[in-house]
Amino acid sequence: MRYRRLKLQDLLREEVSAIIMRELKDPGFGFITILDVEMTEDLKNAKIYYSIYGDEKERERTGDALKRAKGYIKFLLGERLKVKYIPEITFILDDPFERVARIEELLKRSKA
């Protein structure tokens, strides 16, 4: 089951990226990158981690656009994937640059 979950996670990441890039025409989308997908063991829920290039306003606007498009994205996934159940998807903003900056700040504090 683990192999199937990992394979489905990779497939979801690729398909969601393609859908956002080619299918959605919402002007609210900024420069978005799908970073990772984590699924539960039963394959019913998927957390999709994404990153936005831009300021806080751009991140908020893109997050709202993703929430609006979630149902349509799930519909398109249902057409493209050959699985019994399409997982419930949740989009989570994950900014690796902020995480790296936070770790560097903590390391500087520990050295001082």
PDB file of N, CA and C in Angstrom:
ATOM      1  N   MET A   1       0.829  -1.195   0.000  1.00  0.00           N
ATOM      2  CA  MET A   1       0.000   0.000   0.000  1.00  0.00           C
ATOM      3  C   MET A   1       0.872   1.256   0.000  1.00  0.00           C
ATOM      4  N   ARG A   2       2.024   1.199   0.643  1.00  0.00           N
ATOM      5  CA  ARG A   2       2.903   2.358   0.724  1.00  0.00           C
ATOM      6  C   ARG A   2       3.362   2.789  -0.672  1.00  0.00           C
ATOM      7  N   TYR A   3       3.728   1.808  -1.504  1.00  0.00           N
ATOM      8  CA  TYR A   3       4.178   2.124  -2.857  1.00  0.00           C
ATOM      9  C   TYR A   3       3.060   2.811  -3.649  1.00  0.00           C
ATOM     10  N   ARG A   4       1.861   2.315  -3.500  1.00  0.00           N
ATOM     11  CA  ARG A   4       0.730   2.910  -4.212  1.00  0.00           C
ATOM     12  C   ARG A   4       0.504   4.351  -3.759  1.00  0.00           C
ATOM     13  N   ARG A   5       0.605   4.592  -2.455  1.00  0.00           N
ATOM     14  CA  ARG A   5       0.409   5.948  -1.936  1.00  0.00           C
ATOM     15  C   ARG A   5       1.476   6.896  -2.483  1.00  0.00           C
ATOM     16  N   LEU A   6       2.733   6.472  -2.480  1.00  0.00           N
ATOM     17  CA  LEU A   6       3.818   7.320  -2.989  1.00  0.00           C
ATOM     18  C   LEU A   6       3.638   7.612  -4.481  1.00  0.00           C
ATOM     19  N   LYS A   7       3.232   6.601  -5.218  1.00  0.00           N
ATOM     20  CA  LYS A   7       3.007   6.781  -6.646  1.00  0.00           C
ATOM     21  C   LYS A   7       1.846   7.746  -6.892  1.00  0.00           C
ATOM     22  N   LEU A   8       0.773   7.609  -6.136  1.00  0.00           N
ATOM     23  CA  LEU A   8      -0.378   8.495  -6.281  1.00  0.00           C
ATOM     24  C   LEU A   8      -0.039   9.923  -5.854  1.00  0.00           C
ATOM     25  N   GLN A   9       0.789  10.081  -4.837  1.00  0.00           N
ATOM     26  CA  GLN A   9       1.218  11.419  -4.408  1.00  0.00           C
ATOM     27  C   GLN A   9       1.969  12.123  -5.534  1.00  0.00           C
ATOM     28  N   ASP A  10       2.900  11.424  -6.177  1.00  0.00           N
ATOM     29  CA  ASP A  10       3.644  12.014  -7.282  1.00  0.00           C
ATOM     30  C   ASP A  10       2.725  12.357  -8.448  1.00  0.00           C
ATOM     31  N   LEU A  11       1.803  11.466  -8.745  1.00  0.00           N
ATOM     32  CA  LEU A  11       0.860  11.711  -9.837  1.00  0.00           C
ATOM     33  C   LEU A  11      -0.029  12.922  -9.541  1.00  0.00           C
ATOM     34  N   LEU A  12      -0.495  13.029  -8.299  1.00  0.00           N
ATOM     35  CA  LEU A  12      -1.312  14.186  -7.916  1.00  0.00           C
ATOM     36  C   LEU A  12      -0.524  15.485  -8.049  1.00  0.00           C
ATOM     37  N   ARG A  13       0.717  15.484  -7.618  1.00  0.00           N
ATOM     38  CA  ARG A  13       1.563  16.684  -7.706  1.00  0.00           C
ATOM     39  C   ARG A  13       1.700  17.123  -9.162  1.00  0.00           C
ATOM     40  N   GLU A  14       1.969  16.173 -10.049  1.00  0.00           N
ATOM     41  CA  GLU A  14       2.119  16.500 -11.463  1.00  0.00           C
ATOM     42  C   GLU A  14       0.812  16.988 -12.080  1.00  0.00           C
ATOM     43  N   GLU A  15      -0.271  16.307 -11.784  1.00  0.00           N
ATOM     44  CA  GLU A  15      -1.559  16.663 -12.383  1.00  0.00           C
ATOM     45  C   GLU A  15      -2.085  17.999 -11.873  1.00  0.00           C
ATOM     46  N   VAL A  16      -1.960  18.243 -10.576  1.00  0.00           N
ATOM     47  CA  VAL A  16      -2.429  19.524 -10.030  1.00  0.00           C
ATOM     48  C   VAL A  16      -1.603  20.670 -10.607  1.00  0.00           C
ATOM     49  N   SER A  17      -0.299  20.464 -10.743  1.00  0.00           N
ATOM     50  CA  SER A  17       0.551  21.494 -11.361  1.00  0.00           C
ATOM     51  C   SER A  17       0.101  21.777 -12.787  1.00  0.00           C
ATOM     52  N   ALA A  18      -0.163  20.714 -13.552  1.00  0.00           N
ATOM     53  CA  ALA A  18      -0.588  20.886 -14.943  1.00  0.00           C
ATOM     54  C   ALA A  18      -1.948  21.573 -15.015  1.00  0.00           C
ATOM     55  N   ILE A  19      -2.853  21.205 -14.129  1.00  0.00           N
ATOM     56  CA  ILE A  19      -4.179  21.823 -14.124  1.00  0.00           C
ATOM     57  C   ILE A  19      -4.083  23.314 -13.826  1.00  0.00           C
ATOM     58  N   ILE A  20      -3.321  23.674 -12.826  1.00  0.00           N
ATOM     59  CA  ILE A  20      -3.183  25.086 -12.462  1.00  0.00           C
ATOM     60  C   ILE A  20      -2.517  25.863 -13.595  1.00  0.00           C
ATOM     61  N   MET A  21      -1.526  25.263 -14.213  1.00  0.00           N
ATOM     62  CA  MET A  21      -0.783  25.963 -15.252  1.00  0.00           C
ATOM     63  C   MET A  21      -1.587  26.097 -16.552  1.00  0.00           C
ATOM     64  N   ARG A  22      -2.340  25.052 -16.921  1.00  0.00           N
ATOM     65  CA  ARG A  22      -2.971  25.041 -18.241  1.00  0.00           C
ATOM     66  C   ARG A  22      -4.482  25.249 -18.244  1.00  0.00           C
ATOM     67  N   GLU A  23      -5.161  24.790 -17.213  1.00  0.00           N
ATOM     68  CA  GLU A  23      -6.626  24.765 -17.245  1.00  0.00           C
ATOM     69  C   GLU A  23      -7.287  25.963 -16.574  1.00  0.00           C
ATOM     70  N   LEU A  24      -6.698  26.479 -15.511  1.00  0.00           N
ATOM     71  CA  LEU A  24      -7.345  27.541 -14.741  1.00  0.00           C
ATOM     72  C   LEU A  24      -6.989  28.908 -15.305  1.00  0.00           C
ATOM     73  N   LYS A  25      -7.999  29.711 -15.485  1.00  0.00           N
ATOM     74  CA  LYS A  25      -7.808  31.047 -16.068  1.00  0.00           C
ATOM     75  C   LYS A  25      -8.126  32.159 -15.073  1.00  0.00           C
ATOM     76  N   ASP A  26      -8.112  31.850 -13.791  1.00  0.00           N
ATOM     77  CA  ASP A  26      -8.427  32.835 -12.754  1.00  0.00           C
ATOM     78  C   ASP A  26      -7.310  33.879 -12.669  1.00  0.00           C
ATOM     79  N   PRO A  27      -7.636  35.167 -12.752  1.00  0.00           N
ATOM     80  CA  PRO A  27      -6.597  36.191 -12.651  1.00  0.00           C
ATOM     81  C   PRO A  27      -5.994  36.299 -11.249  1.00  0.00           C
ATOM     82  N   GLY A  28      -6.586  35.615 -10.266  1.00  0.00           N
ATOM     83  CA  GLY A  28      -6.068  35.671  -8.906  1.00  0.00           C
ATOM     84  C   GLY A  28      -4.817  34.848  -8.698  1.00  0.00           C
ATOM     85  N   PHE A  29      -4.495  33.969  -9.628  1.00  0.00           N
ATOM     86  CA  PHE A  29      -3.320  33.133  -9.461  1.00  0.00           C
ATOM     87  C   PHE A  29      -2.050  33.903  -9.758  1.00  0.00           C
ATOM     88  N   GLY A  30      -1.117  33.812  -8.829  1.00  0.00           N
ATOM     89  CA  GLY A  30       0.200  34.379  -9.045  1.00  0.00           C
ATOM     90  C   GLY A  30       1.128  33.294  -9.550  1.00  0.00           C
ATOM     91  N   PHE A  31       2.417  33.500  -9.357  1.00  0.00           N
ATOM     92  CA  PHE A  31       3.413  32.504  -9.757  1.00  0.00           C
ATOM     93  C   PHE A  31       3.450  31.434  -8.674  1.00  0.00           C
ATOM     94  N   ILE A  32       2.791  30.300  -8.931  1.00  0.00           N
ATOM     95  CA  ILE A  32       2.608  29.260  -7.925  1.00  0.00           C
ATOM     96  C   ILE A  32       3.395  28.012  -8.313  1.00  0.00           C
ATOM     97  N   THR A  33       3.951  27.359  -7.292  1.00  0.00           N
ATOM     98  CA  THR A  33       4.676  26.108  -7.474  1.00  0.00           C
ATOM     99  C   THR A  33       4.113  25.081  -6.504  1.00  0.00           C
ATOM    100  N   ILE A  34       3.753  23.915  -7.018  1.00  0.00           N
ATOM    101  CA  ILE A  34       3.305  22.816  -6.162  1.00  0.00           C
ATOM    102  C   ILE A  34       4.555  22.097  -5.684  1.00  0.00           C
ATOM    103  N   LEU A  35       4.782  22.108  -4.369  1.00  0.00           N
ATOM    104  CA  LEU A  35       6.006  21.549  -3.812  1.00  0.00           C
ATOM    105  C   LEU A  35       5.885  20.073  -3.465  1.00  0.00           C
ATOM    106  N   ASP A  36       4.789  19.694  -2.834  1.00  0.00           N
ATOM    107  CA  ASP A  36       4.689  18.331  -2.331  1.00  0.00           C
ATOM    108  C   ASP A  36       3.224  17.979  -2.102  1.00  0.00           C
ATOM    109  N   VAL A  37       2.958  16.689  -2.048  1.00  0.00           N
ATOM    110  CA  VAL A  37       1.638  16.170  -1.724  1.00  0.00           C
ATOM    111  C   VAL A  37       1.819  15.085  -0.677  1.00  0.00           C
ATOM    112  N   GLU A  38       1.045  15.161   0.387  1.00  0.00           N
ATOM    113  CA  GLU A  38       1.041  14.120   1.424  1.00  0.00           C
ATOM    114  C   GLU A  38      -0.361  13.553   1.508  1.00  0.00           C
ATOM    115  N   MET A  39      -0.457  12.236   1.457  1.00  0.00           N
ATOM    116  CA  MET A  39      -1.756  11.575   1.522  1.00  0.00           C
ATOM    117  C   MET A  39      -1.842  10.717   2.769  1.00  0.00           C
ATOM    118  N   THR A  40      -3.066  10.535   3.239  1.00  0.00           N
ATOM    119  CA  THR A  40      -3.294   9.637   4.369  1.00  0.00           C
ATOM    120  C   THR A  40      -3.169   8.194   3.884  1.00  0.00           C
ATOM    121  N   GLU A  41      -3.041   7.277   4.823  1.00  0.00           N
ATOM    122  CA  GLU A  41      -2.873   5.862   4.488  1.00  0.00           C
ATOM    123  C   GLU A  41      -4.058   5.309   3.695  1.00  0.00           C
ATOM    124  N   ASP A  42      -5.266   5.795   3.991  1.00  0.00           N
ATOM    125  CA  ASP A  42      -6.453   5.290   3.282  1.00  0.00           C
ATOM    126  C   ASP A  42      -6.689   5.968   1.927  1.00  0.00           C
ATOM    127  N   LEU A  43      -5.804   6.884   1.541  1.00  0.00           N
ATOM    128  CA  LEU A  43      -5.841   7.583   0.248  1.00  0.00           C
ATOM    129  C   LEU A  43      -7.074   8.449   0.059  1.00  0.00           C
ATOM    130  N   LYS A  44      -7.707   8.863   1.153  1.00  0.00           N
ATOM    131  CA  LYS A  44      -8.936   9.662   1.060  1.00  0.00           C
ATOM    132  C   LYS A  44      -8.692  11.167   1.214  1.00  0.00           C
ATOM    133  N   ASN A  45      -7.553  11.562   1.791  1.00  0.00           N
ATOM    134  CA  ASN A  45      -7.249  12.973   2.002  1.00  0.00           C
ATOM    135  C   ASN A  45      -5.842  13.268   1.500  1.00  0.00           C
ATOM    136  N   ALA A  46      -5.688  14.435   0.888  1.00  0.00           N
ATOM    137  CA  ALA A  46      -4.387  14.852   0.374  1.00  0.00           C
ATOM    138  C   ALA A  46      -4.126  16.301   0.767  1.00  0.00           C
ATOM    139  N   LYS A  47      -2.950  16.535   1.330  1.00  0.00           N
ATOM    140  CA  LYS A  47      -2.495  17.896   1.621  1.00  0.00           C
ATOM    141  C   LYS A  47      -1.541  18.280   0.502  1.00  0.00           C
ATOM    142  N   ILE A  48      -1.853  19.374  -0.175  1.00  0.00           N
ATOM    143  CA  ILE A  48      -1.038  19.839  -1.283  1.00  0.00           C
ATOM    144  C   ILE A  48      -0.313  21.102  -0.828  1.00  0.00           C
ATOM    145  N   TYR A  49       1.010  21.008  -0.744  1.00  0.00           N
ATOM    146  CA  TYR A  49       1.829  22.128  -0.303  1.00  0.00           C
ATOM    147  C   TYR A  49       2.263  22.935  -1.519  1.00  0.00           C
ATOM    148  N   TYR A  50       2.087  24.251  -1.427  1.00  0.00           N
ATOM    149  CA  TYR A  50       2.439  25.116  -2.545  1.00  0.00           C
ATOM    150  C   TYR A  50       3.217  26.327  -2.049  1.00  0.00           C
ATOM    151  N   SER A  51       3.927  26.946  -2.977  1.00  0.00           N
ATOM    152  CA  SER A  51       4.714  28.133  -2.687  1.00  0.00           C
ATOM    153  C   SER A  51       4.332  29.212  -3.693  1.00  0.00           C
ATOM    154  N   ILE A  52       4.379  30.461  -3.253  1.00  0.00           N
ATOM    155  CA  ILE A  52       4.034  31.608  -4.088  1.00  0.00           C
ATOM    156  C   ILE A  52       5.228  32.544  -4.148  1.00  0.00           C
ATOM    157  N   TYR A  53       5.536  33.007  -5.342  1.00  0.00           N
ATOM    158  CA  TYR A  53       6.549  34.036  -5.492  1.00  0.00           C
ATOM    159  C   TYR A  53       5.828  35.380  -5.503  1.00  0.00           C
ATOM    160  N   GLY A  54       6.113  36.187  -4.499  1.00  0.00           N
ATOM    161  CA  GLY A  54       5.470  37.493  -4.425  1.00  0.00           C
ATOM    162  C   GLY A  54       5.318  37.940  -2.982  1.00  0.00           C
ATOM    163  N   ASP A  55       4.659  39.071  -2.818  1.00  0.00           N
ATOM    164  CA  ASP A  55       4.475  39.632  -1.486  1.00  0.00           C
ATOM    165  C   ASP A  55       3.280  38.986  -0.778  1.00  0.00           C
ATOM    166  N   GLU A  56       2.987  39.469   0.409  1.00  0.00           N
ATOM    167  CA  GLU A  56       1.908  38.903   1.224  1.00  0.00           C
ATOM    168  C   GLU A  56       0.543  39.042   0.539  1.00  0.00           C
ATOM    169  N   LYS A  57       0.325  40.154  -0.124  1.00  0.00           N
ATOM    170  CA  LYS A  57      -0.950  40.365  -0.827  1.00  0.00           C
ATOM    171  C   LYS A  57      -1.126  39.339  -1.945  1.00  0.00           C
ATOM    172  N   GLU A  58      -0.043  39.065  -2.672  1.00  0.00           N
ATOM    173  CA  GLU A  58      -0.070  38.074  -3.752  1.00  0.00           C
ATOM    174  C   GLU A  58      -0.356  36.674  -3.196  1.00  0.00           C
ATOM    175  N   ARG A  59       0.234  36.360  -2.059  1.00  0.00           N
ATOM    176  CA  ARG A  59       0.010  35.050  -1.428  1.00  0.00           C
ATOM    177  C   ARG A  59      -1.443  34.884  -1.011  1.00  0.00           C
ATOM    178  N   GLU A  60      -1.990  35.925  -0.430  1.00  0.00           N
ATOM    179  CA  GLU A  60      -3.384  35.880   0.019  1.00  0.00           C
ATOM    180  C   GLU A  60      -4.336  35.743  -1.166  1.00  0.00           C
ATOM    181  N   ARG A  61      -4.082  36.497  -2.230  1.00  0.00           N
ATOM    182  CA  ARG A  61      -4.925  36.442  -3.421  1.00  0.00           C
ATOM    183  C   ARG A  61      -4.883  35.056  -4.073  1.00  0.00           C
ATOM    184  N   THR A  62      -3.698  34.474  -4.149  1.00  0.00           N
ATOM    185  CA  THR A  62      -3.563  33.148  -4.746  1.00  0.00           C
ATOM    186  C   THR A  62      -4.202  32.084  -3.864  1.00  0.00           C
ATOM    187  N   GLY A  63      -4.069  32.214  -2.542  1.00  0.00           N
ATOM    188  CA  GLY A  63      -4.720  31.270  -1.627  1.00  0.00           C
ATOM    189  C   GLY A  63      -6.228  31.287  -1.780  1.00  0.00           C
ATOM    190  N   ASP A  64      -6.793  32.480  -1.927  1.00  0.00           N
ATOM    191  CA  ASP A  64      -8.242  32.598  -2.149  1.00  0.00           C
ATOM    192  C   ASP A  64      -8.651  31.976  -3.486  1.00  0.00           C
ATOM    193  N   ALA A  65      -7.833  32.189  -4.517  1.00  0.00           N
ATOM    194  CA  ALA A  65      -8.130  31.617  -5.833  1.00  0.00           C
ATOM    195  C   ALA A  65      -8.082  30.090  -5.783  1.00  0.00           C
ATOM    196  N   LEU A  66      -7.149  29.526  -5.025  1.00  0.00           N
ATOM    197  CA  LEU A  66      -7.068  28.068  -4.880  1.00  0.00           C
ATOM    198  C   LEU A  66      -8.297  27.516  -4.162  1.00  0.00           C
ATOM    199  N   LYS A  67      -8.759  28.235  -3.151  1.00  0.00           N
ATOM    200  CA  LYS A  67      -9.961  27.791  -2.438  1.00  0.00           C
ATOM    201  C   LYS A  67     -11.173  27.785  -3.362  1.00  0.00           C
ATOM    202  N   ARG A  68     -11.275  28.816  -4.204  1.00  0.00           N
ATOM    203  CA  ARG A  68     -12.394  28.886  -5.149  1.00  0.00           C
ATOM    204  C   ARG A  68     -12.327  27.771  -6.186  1.00  0.00           C
ATOM    205  N   ALA A  69     -11.115  27.396  -6.593  1.00  0.00           N
ATOM    206  CA  ALA A  69     -10.944  26.429  -7.682  1.00  0.00           C
ATOM    207  C   ALA A  69     -10.837  24.985  -7.194  1.00  0.00           C
ATOM    208  N   LYS A  70     -10.877  24.766  -5.891  1.00  0.00           N
ATOM    209  CA  LYS A  70     -10.653  23.419  -5.352  1.00  0.00           C
ATOM    210  C   LYS A  70     -11.625  22.388  -5.915  1.00  0.00           C
ATOM    211  N   GLY A  71     -12.885  22.711  -6.006  1.00  0.00           N
ATOM    212  CA  GLY A  71     -13.881  21.785  -6.538  1.00  0.00           C
ATOM    213  C   GLY A  71     -13.638  21.455  -8.007  1.00  0.00           C
ATOM    214  N   TYR A  72     -13.286  22.463  -8.784  1.00  0.00           N
ATOM    215  CA  TYR A  72     -13.011  22.241 -10.204  1.00  0.00           C
ATOM    216  C   TYR A  72     -11.749  21.407 -10.400  1.00  0.00           C
ATOM    217  N   ILE A  73     -10.742  21.669  -9.576  1.00  0.00           N
ATOM    218  CA  ILE A  73      -9.503  20.881  -9.641  1.00  0.00           C
ATOM    219  C   ILE A  73      -9.813  19.418  -9.327  1.00  0.00           C
ATOM    220  N   LYS A  74     -10.624  19.186  -8.315  1.00  0.00           N
ATOM    221  CA  LYS A  74     -10.988  17.814  -7.960  1.00  0.00           C
ATOM    222  C   LYS A  74     -11.773  17.154  -9.096  1.00  0.00           C
ATOM    223  N   PHE A  75     -12.669  17.895  -9.736  1.00  0.00           N
ATOM    224  CA  PHE A  75     -13.422  17.372 -10.872  1.00  0.00           C
ATOM    225  C   PHE A  75     -12.470  16.955 -11.999  1.00  0.00           C
ATOM    226  N   LEU A  76     -11.498  17.819 -12.330  1.00  0.00           N
ATOM    227  CA  LEU A  76     -10.550  17.497 -13.395  1.00  0.00           C
ATOM    228  C   LEU A  76      -9.668  16.310 -13.020  1.00  0.00           C
ATOM    229  N   LEU A  77      -9.311  16.203 -11.745  1.00  0.00           N
ATOM    230  CA  LEU A  77      -8.532  15.042 -11.298  1.00  0.00           C
ATOM    231  C   LEU A  77      -9.343  13.766 -11.481  1.00  0.00           C
ATOM    232  N   GLY A  78     -10.640  13.833 -11.226  1.00  0.00           N
ATOM    233  CA  GLY A  78     -11.505  12.681 -11.413  1.00  0.00           C
ATOM    234  C   GLY A  78     -11.539  12.212 -12.853  1.00  0.00           C
ATOM    235  N   GLU A  79     -11.456  13.154 -13.797  1.00  0.00           N
ATOM    236  CA  GLU A  79     -11.436  12.781 -15.208  1.00  0.00           C
ATOM    237  C   GLU A  79     -10.103  12.180 -15.625  1.00  0.00           C
ATOM    238  N   ARG A  80      -9.018  12.637 -15.009  1.00  0.00           N
ATOM    239  CA  ARG A  80      -7.670  12.232 -15.439  1.00  0.00           C
ATOM    240  C   ARG A  80      -7.135  10.996 -14.735  1.00  0.00           C
ATOM    241  N   LEU A  81      -7.472  10.818 -13.477  1.00  0.00           N
ATOM    242  CA  LEU A  81      -6.899   9.710 -12.701  1.00  0.00           C
ATOM    243  C   LEU A  81      -7.795   8.483 -12.772  1.00  0.00           C
ATOM    244  N   LYS A  82      -7.177   7.348 -12.795  1.00  0.00           N
ATOM    245  CA  LYS A  82      -7.912   6.084 -12.828  1.00  0.00           C
ATOM    246  C   LYS A  82      -7.887   5.449 -11.435  1.00  0.00           C
ATOM    247  N   VAL A  83      -8.551   6.109 -10.493  1.00  0.00           N
ATOM    248  CA  VAL A  83      -8.627   5.601  -9.127  1.00  0.00           C
ATOM    249  C   VAL A  83     -10.087   5.553  -8.698  1.00  0.00           C
ATOM    250  N   LYS A  84     -10.351   4.714  -7.711  1.00  0.00           N
ATOM    251  CA  LYS A  84     -11.724   4.531  -7.252  1.00  0.00           C
ATOM    252  C   LYS A  84     -12.262   5.797  -6.573  1.00  0.00           C
ATOM    253  N   TYR A  85     -11.453   6.394  -5.705  1.00  0.00           N
ATOM    254  CA  TYR A  85     -11.853   7.602  -4.979  1.00  0.00           C
ATOM    255  C   TYR A  85     -10.852   8.717  -5.258  1.00  0.00           C
ATOM    256  N   ILE A  86     -11.378   9.890  -5.531  1.00  0.00           N
ATOM    257  CA  ILE A  86     -10.529  11.073  -5.644  1.00  0.00           C
ATOM    258  C   ILE A  86     -10.418  11.652  -4.241  1.00  0.00           C
ATOM    259  N   PRO A  87      -9.203  11.861  -3.742  1.00  0.00           N
ATOM    260  CA  PRO A  87      -9.059  12.337  -2.368  1.00  0.00           C
ATOM    261  C   PRO A  87      -9.566  13.761  -2.182  1.00  0.00           C
ATOM    262  N   GLU A  88      -9.995  14.050  -0.960  1.00  0.00           N
ATOM    263  CA  GLU A  88     -10.311  15.429  -0.584  1.00  0.00           C
ATOM    264  C   GLU A  88      -8.992  16.184  -0.528  1.00  0.00           C
ATOM    265  N   ILE A  89      -8.930  17.334  -1.184  1.00  0.00           N
ATOM    266  CA  ILE A  89      -7.673  18.063  -1.234  1.00  0.00           C
ATOM    267  C   ILE A  89      -7.730  19.303  -0.355  1.00  0.00           C
ATOM    268  N   THR A  90      -6.598  19.567   0.272  1.00  0.00           N
ATOM    269  CA  THR A  90      -6.414  20.746   1.104  1.00  0.00           C
ATOM    270  C   THR A  90      -5.129  21.424   0.661  1.00  0.00           C
ATOM    271  N   PHE A  91      -5.201  22.694   0.349  1.00  0.00           N
ATOM    272  CA  PHE A  91      -4.019  23.443  -0.068  1.00  0.00           C
ATOM    273  C   PHE A  91      -3.398  24.127   1.139  1.00  0.00           C
ATOM    274  N   ILE A  92      -2.078  23.966   1.283  1.00  0.00           N
ATOM    275  CA  ILE A  92      -1.350  24.536   2.411  1.00  0.00           C
ATOM    276  C   ILE A  92      -0.171  25.335   1.870  1.00  0.00           C
ATOM    277  N   LEU A  93      -0.104  26.614   2.254  1.00  0.00           N
ATOM    278  CA  LEU A  93       1.007  27.467   1.841  1.00  0.00           C
ATOM    279  C   LEU A  93       2.264  27.043   2.585  1.00  0.00           C
ATOM    280  N   ASP A  94       3.312  26.751   1.847  1.00  0.00           N
ATOM    281  CA  ASP A  94       4.586  26.324   2.421  1.00  0.00           C
ATOM    282  C   ASP A  94       5.670  27.159   1.767  1.00  0.00           C
ATOM    283  N   ASP A  95       6.255  28.061   2.527  1.00  0.00           N
ATOM    284  CA  ASP A  95       7.280  28.935   1.978  1.00  0.00           C
ATOM    285  C   ASP A  95       8.650  28.481   2.465  1.00  0.00           C
ATOM    286  N   PRO A  96       9.412  27.793   1.627  1.00  0.00           N
ATOM    287  CA  PRO A  96      10.709  27.283   2.061  1.00  0.00           C
ATOM    288  C   PRO A  96      11.707  28.394   2.364  1.00  0.00           C
ATOM    289  N   PHE A  97      11.575  29.557   1.720  1.00  0.00           N
ATOM    290  CA  PHE A  97      12.503  30.651   1.965  1.00  0.00           C
ATOM    291  C   PHE A  97      12.343  31.211   3.375  1.00  0.00           C
ATOM    292  N   GLU A  98      11.089  31.329   3.819  1.00  0.00           N
ATOM    293  CA  GLU A  98      10.856  31.795   5.180  1.00  0.00           C
ATOM    294  C   GLU A  98      11.370  30.781   6.197  1.00  0.00           C
ATOM    295  N   ARG A  99      11.199  29.499   5.902  1.00  0.00           N
ATOM    296  CA  ARG A  99      11.673  28.454   6.800  1.00  0.00           C
ATOM    297  C   ARG A  99      13.197  28.495   6.920  1.00  0.00           C
ATOM    298  N   VAL A 100      13.887  28.664   5.778  1.00  0.00           N
ATOM    299  CA  VAL A 100      15.350  28.745   5.787  1.00  0.00           C
ATOM    300  C   VAL A 100      15.809  29.982   6.551  1.00  0.00           C
ATOM    301  N   ALA A 101      15.136  31.103   6.338  1.00  0.00           N
ATOM    302  CA  ALA A 101      15.499  32.336   7.048  1.00  0.00           C
ATOM    303  C   ALA A 101      15.300  32.173   8.554  1.00  0.00           C
ATOM    304  N   ARG A 102      14.243  31.508   8.948  1.00  0.00           N
ATOM    305  CA  ARG A 102      13.974  31.264  10.378  1.00  0.00           C
ATOM    306  C   ARG A 102      15.040  30.360  10.990  1.00  0.00           C
ATOM    307  N   ILE A 103      15.444  29.322  10.285  1.00  0.00           N
ATOM    308  CA  ILE A 103      16.488  28.419  10.784  1.00  0.00           C
ATOM    309  C   ILE A 103      17.816  29.156  10.906  1.00  0.00           C
ATOM    310  N   GLU A 104      18.148  29.989   9.909  1.00  0.00           N
ATOM    311  CA  GLU A 104      19.392  30.760   9.966  1.00  0.00           C
ATOM    312  C   GLU A 104      19.365  31.721  11.160  1.00  0.00           C
ATOM    313  N   GLU A 105      18.229  32.351  11.416  1.00  0.00           N
ATOM    314  CA  GLU A 105      18.107  33.254  12.557  1.00  0.00           C
ATOM    315  C   GLU A 105      18.317  32.506  13.868  1.00  0.00           C
ATOM    316  N   LEU A 106      17.733  31.329  13.994  1.00  0.00           N
ATOM    317  CA  LEU A 106      17.912  30.525  15.210  1.00  0.00           C
ATOM    318  C   LEU A 106      19.354  30.092  15.380  1.00  0.00           C
ATOM    319  N   LEU A 107      20.034  29.762  14.293  1.00  0.00           N
ATOM    320  CA  LEU A 107      21.447  29.371  14.374  1.00  0.00           C
ATOM    321  C   LEU A 107      22.313  30.554  14.794  1.00  0.00           C
ATOM    322  N   LYS A 108      22.011  31.747  14.275  1.00  0.00           N
ATOM    323  CA  LYS A 108      22.758  32.939  14.673  1.00  0.00           C
ATOM    324  C   LYS A 108      22.583  33.229  16.163  1.00  0.00           C
ATOM    325  N   ARG A 109      21.356  33.065  16.651  1.00  0.00           N
ATOM    326  CA  ARG A 109      21.093  33.299  18.068  1.00  0.00           C
ATOM    327  C   ARG A 109      21.835  32.298  18.948  1.00  0.00           C
ATOM    328  N   SER A 110      21.914  31.051  18.502  1.00  0.00           N
ATOM    329  CA  SER A 110      22.573  30.029  19.324  1.00  0.00           C
ATOM    330  C   SER A 110      24.090  30.241  19.374  1.00  0.00           C
ATOM    331  N   LYS A 111      24.671  30.832  18.332  1.00  0.00           N
ATOM    332  CA  LYS A 111      26.106  31.100  18.327  1.00  0.00           C
ATOM    333  C   LYS A 111      26.461  32.311  19.184  1.00  0.00           C
ATOM    334  N   ALA A 112      25.548  33.254  19.330  1.00  0.00           N
ATOM    335  CA  ALA A 112      25.823  34.502  20.045  1.00  0.00           C
ATOM    336  C   ALA A 112      25.793  34.320  21.532  1.00  0.00           C
TER     337      ALA A 112
END
